[in-house]
Amino acid sequence: MNGLTEQDIAAARAEGDLVSLLLMAAGAPVTAATPKQRTRAPAPMVSRSRPGAWPDGTRSPGLSPEAAAYLPQLWPDRFPEA
């Protein structure tokens, strides 16, 4: 077989390089893993607070159906019933 004993596997597991041991036993080349470079994510776009305004990119949802039905009662000349 490959000549690995349980003691070899236990020692490699304790050292934290069990993958390297198994790759060497399989005959695969073992390359040192280079640490990945972490890139900082760009800061999120934060809109400024504008009191009384809708948030950026949105619109007013409009009138609720109940309010739209009540407007002709308040101002019949401005809001004719549909």
N, C-alpha and C. Protein backbone atom coordinates (compact mmCIF):
# COMPACT_ATOMS: atom_id res chain seq x y z
N MET A 1 0.84 -1.18 0.00
CA MET A 1 0.00 0.00 0.00
C MET A 1 0.88 1.24 0.00
N ASN A 2 0.62 2.19 0.84
CA ASN A 2 1.38 3.43 0.80
C ASN A 2 2.29 3.61 2.01
N GLY A 3 2.22 2.78 2.99
CA GLY A 3 3.11 2.85 4.13
C GLY A 3 2.70 3.82 5.22
N LEU A 4 1.51 4.37 5.14
CA LEU A 4 1.02 5.27 6.19
C LEU A 4 0.48 4.44 7.35
N THR A 5 0.82 4.84 8.53
CA THR A 5 0.29 4.16 9.71
C THR A 5 -0.69 5.08 10.41
N GLU A 6 -1.41 4.54 11.35
CA GLU A 6 -2.36 5.35 12.10
C GLU A 6 -1.65 6.44 12.89
N GLN A 7 -0.41 6.15 13.33
CA GLN A 7 0.35 7.16 14.07
C GLN A 7 0.73 8.33 13.16
N ASP A 8 1.07 8.02 11.90
CA ASP A 8 1.40 9.10 10.96
C ASP A 8 0.20 10.01 10.73
N ILE A 9 -0.95 9.41 10.56
CA ILE A 9 -2.17 10.20 10.32
C ILE A 9 -2.54 11.00 11.56
N ALA A 10 -2.40 10.41 12.73
CA ALA A 10 -2.71 11.13 13.97
C ALA A 10 -1.76 12.30 14.18
N ALA A 11 -0.47 12.10 13.87
CA ALA A 11 0.51 13.18 14.03
C ALA A 11 0.23 14.30 13.03
N ALA A 12 -0.10 13.95 11.79
CA ALA A 12 -0.41 14.97 10.78
C ALA A 12 -1.67 15.74 11.15
N ARG A 13 -2.65 15.03 11.68
CA ARG A 13 -3.89 15.69 12.10
C ARG A 13 -3.63 16.65 13.26
N ALA A 14 -2.76 16.27 14.16
CA ALA A 14 -2.44 17.13 15.30
C ALA A 14 -1.69 18.38 14.85
N GLU A 15 -0.83 18.23 13.83
CA GLU A 15 -0.10 19.38 13.31
C GLU A 15 -0.95 20.23 12.39
N GLY A 16 -2.03 19.70 11.90
CA GLY A 16 -2.93 20.47 11.05
C GLY A 16 -2.64 20.37 9.57
N ASP A 17 -1.74 19.46 9.15
CA ASP A 17 -1.45 19.34 7.72
C ASP A 17 -1.76 17.94 7.21
N LEU A 18 -2.93 17.47 7.52
CA LEU A 18 -3.37 16.15 7.07
C LEU A 18 -3.53 16.12 5.55
N VAL A 19 -3.96 17.22 4.96
CA VAL A 19 -4.15 17.28 3.51
C VAL A 19 -2.81 17.09 2.81
N SER A 20 -1.75 17.73 3.30
CA SER A 20 -0.42 17.59 2.69
C SER A 20 0.05 16.14 2.77
N LEU A 21 -0.17 15.51 3.89
CA LEU A 21 0.25 14.12 4.05
C LEU A 21 -0.48 13.21 3.05
N LEU A 22 -1.77 13.41 2.92
CA LEU A 22 -2.54 12.57 1.99
C LEU A 22 -2.15 12.84 0.54
N LEU A 23 -1.85 14.08 0.20
CA LEU A 23 -1.41 14.38 -1.16
C LEU A 23 -0.05 13.75 -1.45
N MET A 24 0.87 13.82 -0.49
CA MET A 24 2.17 13.18 -0.68
C MET A 24 2.02 11.68 -0.81
N ALA A 25 1.15 11.06 -0.02
CA ALA A 25 0.96 9.62 -0.09
C ALA A 25 0.35 9.21 -1.43
N ALA A 26 -0.47 10.09 -2.02
CA ALA A 26 -1.08 9.77 -3.31
C ALA A 26 -0.15 10.06 -4.47
N GLY A 27 0.97 10.73 -4.20
CA GLY A 27 1.91 11.04 -5.27
C GLY A 27 1.59 12.35 -5.97
N ALA A 28 0.67 13.10 -5.45
CA ALA A 28 0.33 14.39 -6.06
C ALA A 28 1.29 15.45 -5.55
N PRO A 29 1.60 16.44 -6.38
CA PRO A 29 2.50 17.50 -5.92
C PRO A 29 1.82 18.34 -4.84
N VAL A 30 2.60 18.67 -3.82
CA VAL A 30 2.08 19.47 -2.72
C VAL A 30 2.61 20.89 -2.90
N THR A 31 1.72 21.82 -3.05
CA THR A 31 2.12 23.21 -3.18
C THR A 31 1.65 23.95 -1.95
N ALA A 32 2.44 24.91 -1.55
CA ALA A 32 2.06 25.70 -0.38
C ALA A 32 0.92 26.62 -0.78
N ALA A 33 -0.09 26.60 0.00
CA ALA A 33 -1.25 27.44 -0.28
C ALA A 33 -0.91 28.88 0.06
N THR A 34 -1.11 29.74 -0.90
CA THR A 34 -0.86 31.16 -0.65
C THR A 34 -2.12 31.77 -0.07
N PRO A 35 -1.96 32.59 0.93
CA PRO A 35 -3.16 33.20 1.52
C PRO A 35 -3.84 34.13 0.52
N LYS A 36 -5.14 34.08 0.50
CA LYS A 36 -5.90 34.92 -0.41
C LYS A 36 -5.84 36.36 0.05
N GLN A 37 -5.68 37.24 -0.92
CA GLN A 37 -5.67 38.66 -0.61
C GLN A 37 -7.10 39.13 -0.43
N ARG A 38 -7.34 39.72 0.70
CA ARG A 38 -8.69 40.23 0.96
C ARG A 38 -8.78 41.65 0.44
N THR A 39 -9.81 41.88 -0.30
CA THR A 39 -10.04 43.24 -0.80
C THR A 39 -11.18 43.84 -0.02
N ARG A 40 -11.04 45.08 0.28
CA ARG A 40 -12.08 45.76 1.05
C ARG A 40 -13.23 46.11 0.11
N ALA A 41 -14.41 45.78 0.54
CA ALA A 41 -15.60 46.09 -0.24
C ALA A 41 -15.81 47.60 -0.26
N PRO A 42 -16.29 48.14 -1.38
CA PRO A 42 -16.52 49.58 -1.42
C PRO A 42 -17.61 49.97 -0.43
N ALA A 43 -17.47 51.16 0.07
CA ALA A 43 -18.45 51.65 1.04
C ALA A 43 -19.82 51.78 0.37
N PRO A 44 -20.88 51.39 1.04
CA PRO A 44 -22.20 51.50 0.42
C PRO A 44 -22.61 52.96 0.25
N MET A 45 -23.38 53.20 -0.79
CA MET A 45 -23.87 54.55 -1.03
C MET A 45 -24.96 54.85 -0.01
N VAL A 46 -24.75 55.88 0.76
CA VAL A 46 -25.72 56.27 1.78
C VAL A 46 -26.30 57.60 1.37
N SER A 47 -27.59 57.64 1.25
CA SER A 47 -28.21 58.90 0.86
C SER A 47 -28.37 59.79 2.08
N ARG A 48 -28.33 61.06 1.82
CA ARG A 48 -28.51 62.00 2.92
C ARG A 48 -29.97 62.08 3.30
N SER A 49 -30.19 62.31 4.54
CA SER A 49 -31.54 62.44 5.04
C SER A 49 -32.13 63.77 4.57
N ARG A 50 -33.32 63.71 4.02
CA ARG A 50 -34.01 64.92 3.58
C ARG A 50 -35.37 64.92 4.24
N PRO A 51 -35.54 65.67 5.31
CA PRO A 51 -36.81 65.65 6.02
C PRO A 51 -37.98 65.99 5.10
N GLY A 52 -39.00 65.17 5.13
CA GLY A 52 -40.20 65.41 4.34
C GLY A 52 -40.12 64.91 2.92
N ALA A 53 -39.00 64.33 2.50
CA ALA A 53 -38.85 63.86 1.13
C ALA A 53 -38.89 62.34 1.10
N TRP A 54 -39.25 61.80 -0.06
CA TRP A 54 -39.21 60.36 -0.24
C TRP A 54 -37.76 59.94 -0.41
N PRO A 55 -37.40 58.73 -0.02
CA PRO A 55 -36.02 58.26 -0.21
C PRO A 55 -35.65 58.26 -1.69
N ASP A 56 -34.37 58.34 -1.95
CA ASP A 56 -33.89 58.37 -3.34
C ASP A 56 -34.35 57.14 -4.10
N GLY A 57 -34.76 57.35 -5.33
CA GLY A 57 -35.13 56.25 -6.20
C GLY A 57 -36.51 55.69 -5.98
N THR A 58 -37.33 56.30 -5.15
CA THR A 58 -38.67 55.78 -4.92
C THR A 58 -39.69 56.86 -5.21
N ARG A 59 -40.92 56.47 -5.30
CA ARG A 59 -42.01 57.41 -5.53
C ARG A 59 -43.03 57.26 -4.41
N SER A 60 -43.92 58.21 -4.37
CA SER A 60 -45.02 58.13 -3.44
C SER A 60 -45.91 56.97 -3.85
N PRO A 61 -46.41 56.19 -2.91
CA PRO A 61 -47.26 55.07 -3.30
C PRO A 61 -48.63 55.52 -3.79
N GLY A 62 -48.96 56.77 -3.64
CA GLY A 62 -50.25 57.25 -4.09
C GLY A 62 -51.31 57.09 -3.00
N LEU A 63 -52.52 57.38 -3.37
CA LEU A 63 -53.63 57.32 -2.43
C LEU A 63 -54.10 55.89 -2.23
N SER A 64 -54.58 55.63 -1.03
CA SER A 64 -55.20 54.34 -0.80
C SER A 64 -56.57 54.35 -1.48
N PRO A 65 -57.14 53.22 -1.78
CA PRO A 65 -58.46 53.19 -2.45
C PRO A 65 -59.54 53.90 -1.62
N GLU A 66 -59.44 53.80 -0.29
CA GLU A 66 -60.44 54.45 0.56
C GLU A 66 -60.33 55.97 0.44
N ALA A 67 -59.10 56.49 0.45
CA ALA A 67 -58.92 57.94 0.33
C ALA A 67 -59.33 58.42 -1.05
N ALA A 68 -59.03 57.66 -2.11
CA ALA A 68 -59.40 58.05 -3.46
C ALA A 68 -60.92 58.07 -3.61
N ALA A 69 -61.64 57.19 -2.93
CA ALA A 69 -63.11 57.19 -3.01
C ALA A 69 -63.70 58.34 -2.20
N TYR A 70 -63.00 58.83 -1.19
CA TYR A 70 -63.52 59.89 -0.33
C TYR A 70 -63.29 61.29 -0.92
N LEU A 71 -62.28 61.46 -1.78
CA LEU A 71 -61.96 62.78 -2.34
C LEU A 71 -63.13 63.41 -3.10
N PRO A 72 -63.88 62.68 -3.93
CA PRO A 72 -65.01 63.32 -4.62
C PRO A 72 -66.08 63.85 -3.66
N GLN A 73 -66.17 63.27 -2.48
CA GLN A 73 -67.13 63.79 -1.50
C GLN A 73 -66.66 65.12 -0.94
N LEU A 74 -65.36 65.28 -0.79
CA LEU A 74 -64.82 66.53 -0.26
C LEU A 74 -64.81 67.63 -1.30
N TRP A 75 -64.33 67.35 -2.49
CA TRP A 75 -64.23 68.34 -3.56
C TRP A 75 -64.83 67.76 -4.84
N PRO A 76 -66.14 67.86 -5.00
CA PRO A 76 -66.77 67.25 -6.19
C PRO A 76 -66.35 67.94 -7.49
N ASP A 77 -65.98 69.22 -7.44
CA ASP A 77 -65.60 69.89 -8.67
C ASP A 77 -64.17 69.56 -9.08
N ARG A 78 -63.29 69.19 -8.14
CA ARG A 78 -61.90 68.87 -8.47
C ARG A 78 -61.69 67.39 -8.76
N PHE A 79 -62.47 66.52 -8.13
CA PHE A 79 -62.30 65.08 -8.29
C PHE A 79 -63.65 64.47 -8.68
N PRO A 80 -63.96 64.45 -9.99
CA PRO A 80 -65.22 63.82 -10.39
C PRO A 80 -65.14 62.32 -10.17
N GLU A 81 -66.29 61.74 -9.85
CA GLU A 81 -66.32 60.29 -9.63
C GLU A 81 -66.11 59.58 -10.94
N ALA A 82 -65.32 58.52 -10.89
CA ALA A 82 -64.98 57.82 -12.13
C ALA A 82 -65.95 56.71 -12.40
